[in-house]
Amino acid sequence: MTPLQPPRVVAAERVSTLNKADLAETVRSFHGGMTGAEALRIVDTIFRSAADGLATGSSLRIRRFGSLEVRSRRPRRGGDPRTGRVFVTAAHRTPFFRPARGLLESLQN
């Protein structure tokens, strides 16, 4: 029995941005009997689960890729340089991505 090879990203050669449809096509091509609609449903489920987890305060960690977490930002003072008007931005939560060492190393090669 031979070990599974990672799927080859199909669309990376023809476009500079990899989108959800490209990921679904990669899933479909790796799993022979799957339709495009089934592959898209799998990719949608993964992203929906990740978004729901982040919204509830969980973090997402994918080995050799990176981690996503939600960070809270305090309110801060800002200003419009054209008018000189000073304002305060509201406190908010924002996603933060930290790449894994494996991803950083693969980008250098």
C-alpha atoms as a PDB file:
ATOM      1  CA  MET A   1       0.000   0.000   0.000  1.00  0.00           C
ATOM      2  CA  THR A   2       1.495   3.338  -1.033  1.00  0.00           C
ATOM      3  CA  PRO A   3       1.116   6.412   1.168  1.00  0.00           C
ATOM      4  CA  LEU A   4      -1.298   9.065  -0.029  1.00  0.00           C
ATOM      5  CA  GLN A   5       0.314  11.979  -1.760  1.00  0.00           C
ATOM      6  CA  PRO A   6      -1.066  15.451  -1.029  1.00  0.00           C
ATOM      7  CA  PRO A   7      -3.462  16.634  -3.723  1.00  0.00           C
ATOM      8  CA  ARG A   8      -2.033  18.823  -6.427  1.00  0.00           C
ATOM      9  CA  VAL A   9      -3.715  22.216  -6.457  1.00  0.00           C
ATOM     10  CA  VAL A  10      -5.382  22.301  -9.852  1.00  0.00           C
ATOM     11  CA  ALA A  11      -6.083  25.991 -10.250  1.00  0.00           C
ATOM     12  CA  ALA A  12      -2.888  27.519  -8.880  1.00  0.00           C
ATOM     13  CA  GLU A  13      -1.254  27.394 -12.306  1.00  0.00           C
ATOM     14  CA  ARG A  14      -3.943  29.363 -14.129  1.00  0.00           C
ATOM     15  CA  VAL A  15      -4.916  32.057 -11.622  1.00  0.00           C
ATOM     16  CA  SER A  16      -3.045  34.056  -9.037  1.00  0.00           C
ATOM     17  CA  THR A  17      -5.839  33.847  -6.436  1.00  0.00           C
ATOM     18  CA  LEU A  18      -7.132  30.534  -5.147  1.00  0.00           C
ATOM     19  CA  ASN A  19     -10.864  30.748  -4.446  1.00  0.00           C
ATOM     20  CA  LYS A  20     -13.506  28.431  -2.994  1.00  0.00           C
ATOM     21  CA  ALA A  21     -14.405  26.928  -6.373  1.00  0.00           C
ATOM     22  CA  ASP A  22     -10.728  26.116  -6.989  1.00  0.00           C
ATOM     23  CA  LEU A  23     -10.504  24.379  -3.606  1.00  0.00           C
ATOM     24  CA  ALA A  24     -13.645  22.383  -4.404  1.00  0.00           C
ATOM     25  CA  GLU A  25     -12.167  21.334  -7.756  1.00  0.00           C
ATOM     26  CA  THR A  26      -9.002  20.168  -5.978  1.00  0.00           C
ATOM     27  CA  VAL A  27     -11.106  18.107  -3.537  1.00  0.00           C
ATOM     28  CA  ARG A  28     -13.139  16.662  -6.419  1.00  0.00           C
ATOM     29  CA  SER A  29     -10.064  15.702  -8.454  1.00  0.00           C
ATOM     30  CA  PHE A  30      -8.442  14.016  -5.440  1.00  0.00           C
ATOM     31  CA  HIS A  31     -11.558  11.924  -4.692  1.00  0.00           C
ATOM     32  CA  GLY A  32     -12.462  10.279  -8.005  1.00  0.00           C
ATOM     33  CA  GLY A  33     -16.178   9.492  -7.644  1.00  0.00           C
ATOM     34  CA  MET A  34     -17.210  12.841  -6.210  1.00  0.00           C
ATOM     35  CA  THR A  35     -19.260  15.419  -8.079  1.00  0.00           C
ATOM     36  CA  GLY A  36     -18.411  19.095  -8.145  1.00  0.00           C
ATOM     37  CA  ALA A  37     -21.500  19.911  -6.063  1.00  0.00           C
ATOM     38  CA  GLU A  38     -20.478  17.424  -3.368  1.00  0.00           C
ATOM     39  CA  ALA A  39     -16.959  18.842  -3.247  1.00  0.00           C
ATOM     40  CA  LEU A  40     -18.298  22.391  -2.985  1.00  0.00           C
ATOM     41  CA  ARG A  41     -20.592  21.304  -0.141  1.00  0.00           C
ATOM     42  CA  ILE A  42     -17.574  19.875   1.719  1.00  0.00           C
ATOM     43  CA  VAL A  43     -15.561  23.082   1.274  1.00  0.00           C
ATOM     44  CA  ASP A  44     -18.580  25.179   2.349  1.00  0.00           C
ATOM     45  CA  THR A  45     -19.001  23.022   5.460  1.00  0.00           C
ATOM     46  CA  ILE A  46     -15.353  23.481   6.418  1.00  0.00           C
ATOM     47  CA  PHE A  47     -15.490  27.265   6.078  1.00  0.00           C
ATOM     48  CA  ARG A  48     -18.879  27.532   7.806  1.00  0.00           C
ATOM     49  CA  SER A  49     -17.599  25.442  10.738  1.00  0.00           C
ATOM     50  CA  ALA A  50     -14.478  27.598  10.995  1.00  0.00           C
ATOM     51  CA  ALA A  51     -16.501  30.831  10.933  1.00  0.00           C
ATOM     52  CA  ASP A  52     -18.980  29.523  13.523  1.00  0.00           C
ATOM     53  CA  GLY A  53     -16.148  28.456  15.811  1.00  0.00           C
ATOM     54  CA  LEU A  54     -14.412  31.820  15.544  1.00  0.00           C
ATOM     55  CA  ALA A  55     -17.703  33.621  16.221  1.00  0.00           C
ATOM     56  CA  THR A  56     -18.131  31.680  19.474  1.00  0.00           C
ATOM     57  CA  GLY A  57     -14.597  32.465  20.651  1.00  0.00           C
ATOM     58  CA  SER A  58     -12.796  29.288  19.600  1.00  0.00           C
ATOM     59  CA  SER A  59      -9.552  29.361  17.682  1.00  0.00           C
ATOM     60  CA  LEU A  60      -8.786  27.352  14.569  1.00  0.00           C
ATOM     61  CA  ARG A  61      -5.436  25.571  14.322  1.00  0.00           C
ATOM     62  CA  ILE A  62      -4.355  23.683  11.221  1.00  0.00           C
ATOM     63  CA  ARG A  63      -1.026  21.963  11.535  1.00  0.00           C
ATOM     64  CA  ARG A  64       1.670  23.160   9.078  1.00  0.00           C
ATOM     65  CA  PHE A  65      -0.680  25.929   7.879  1.00  0.00           C
ATOM     66  CA  GLY A  66      -1.410  28.231  10.789  1.00  0.00           C
ATOM     67  CA  SER A  67      -3.940  29.368  13.328  1.00  0.00           C
ATOM     68  CA  LEU A  68      -6.828  31.807  13.272  1.00  0.00           C
ATOM     69  CA  GLU A  69      -8.138  33.474  16.377  1.00  0.00           C
ATOM     70  CA  VAL A  70     -10.302  36.449  17.240  1.00  0.00           C
ATOM     71  CA  ARG A  71      -8.640  39.339  19.021  1.00  0.00           C
ATOM     72  CA  SER A  72     -10.356  42.213  20.781  1.00  0.00           C
ATOM     73  CA  ARG A  73      -9.268  45.718  19.879  1.00  0.00           C
ATOM     74  CA  ARG A  74      -9.686  48.595  22.316  1.00  0.00           C
ATOM     75  CA  PRO A  75     -11.268  51.861  21.277  1.00  0.00           C
ATOM     76  CA  ARG A  76      -8.690  54.343  20.024  1.00  0.00           C
ATOM     77  CA  ARG A  77      -8.484  57.954  19.000  1.00  0.00           C
ATOM     78  CA  GLY A  78      -8.122  58.795  15.360  1.00  0.00           C
ATOM     79  CA  GLY A  79      -8.256  61.895  13.256  1.00  0.00           C
ATOM     80  CA  ASP A  80      -9.057  63.123   9.791  1.00  0.00           C
ATOM     81  CA  PRO A  81      -5.887  64.858   8.551  1.00  0.00           C
ATOM     82  CA  ARG A  82      -7.826  66.874   5.969  1.00  0.00           C
ATOM     83  CA  THR A  83     -10.319  68.435   8.390  1.00  0.00           C
ATOM     84  CA  GLY A  84      -8.477  67.991  11.675  1.00  0.00           C
ATOM     85  CA  ARG A  85     -11.578  66.397  13.206  1.00  0.00           C
ATOM     86  CA  VAL A  86     -10.743  63.972  16.054  1.00  0.00           C
ATOM     87  CA  PHE A  87     -12.878  60.898  16.624  1.00  0.00           C
ATOM     88  CA  VAL A  88     -12.826  57.669  18.633  1.00  0.00           C
ATOM     89  CA  THR A  89     -13.118  54.319  16.899  1.00  0.00           C
ATOM     90  CA  ALA A  90     -15.282  51.774  18.690  1.00  0.00           C
ATOM     91  CA  ALA A  91     -13.899  48.650  20.331  1.00  0.00           C
ATOM     92  CA  HIS A  92     -14.225  45.682  18.014  1.00  0.00           C
ATOM     93  CA  ARG A  93     -13.189  42.088  17.435  1.00  0.00           C
ATOM     94  CA  THR A  94     -11.055  41.138  14.450  1.00  0.00           C
ATOM     95  CA  PRO A  95      -9.645  37.876  13.050  1.00  0.00           C
ATOM     96  CA  PHE A  96      -5.897  37.328  13.380  1.00  0.00           C
ATOM     97  CA  PHE A  97      -3.894  34.766  11.362  1.00  0.00           C
ATOM     98  CA  ARG A  98      -0.576  33.399  12.568  1.00  0.00           C
ATOM     99  CA  PRO A  99       1.220  31.285   9.943  1.00  0.00           C
ATOM    100  CA  ALA A 100       2.803  28.020  11.043  1.00  0.00           C
ATOM    101  CA  ARG A 101       6.529  27.445  10.698  1.00  0.00           C
ATOM    102  CA  GLY A 102       5.862  24.839   7.981  1.00  0.00           C
ATOM    103  CA  LEU A 103       3.961  27.372   5.869  1.00  0.00           C
ATOM    104  CA  LEU A 104       6.638  30.026   6.337  1.00  0.00           C
ATOM    105  CA  GLU A 105       9.349  27.558   5.342  1.00  0.00           C
ATOM    106  CA  SER A 106       7.448  26.423   2.249  1.00  0.00           C
ATOM    107  CA  LEU A 107       7.143  30.053   1.111  1.00  0.00           C
ATOM    108  CA  GLN A 108      10.930  30.466   1.294  1.00  0.00           C
ATOM    109  CA  ASN A 109      11.652  27.487  -0.977  1.00  0.00           C
END
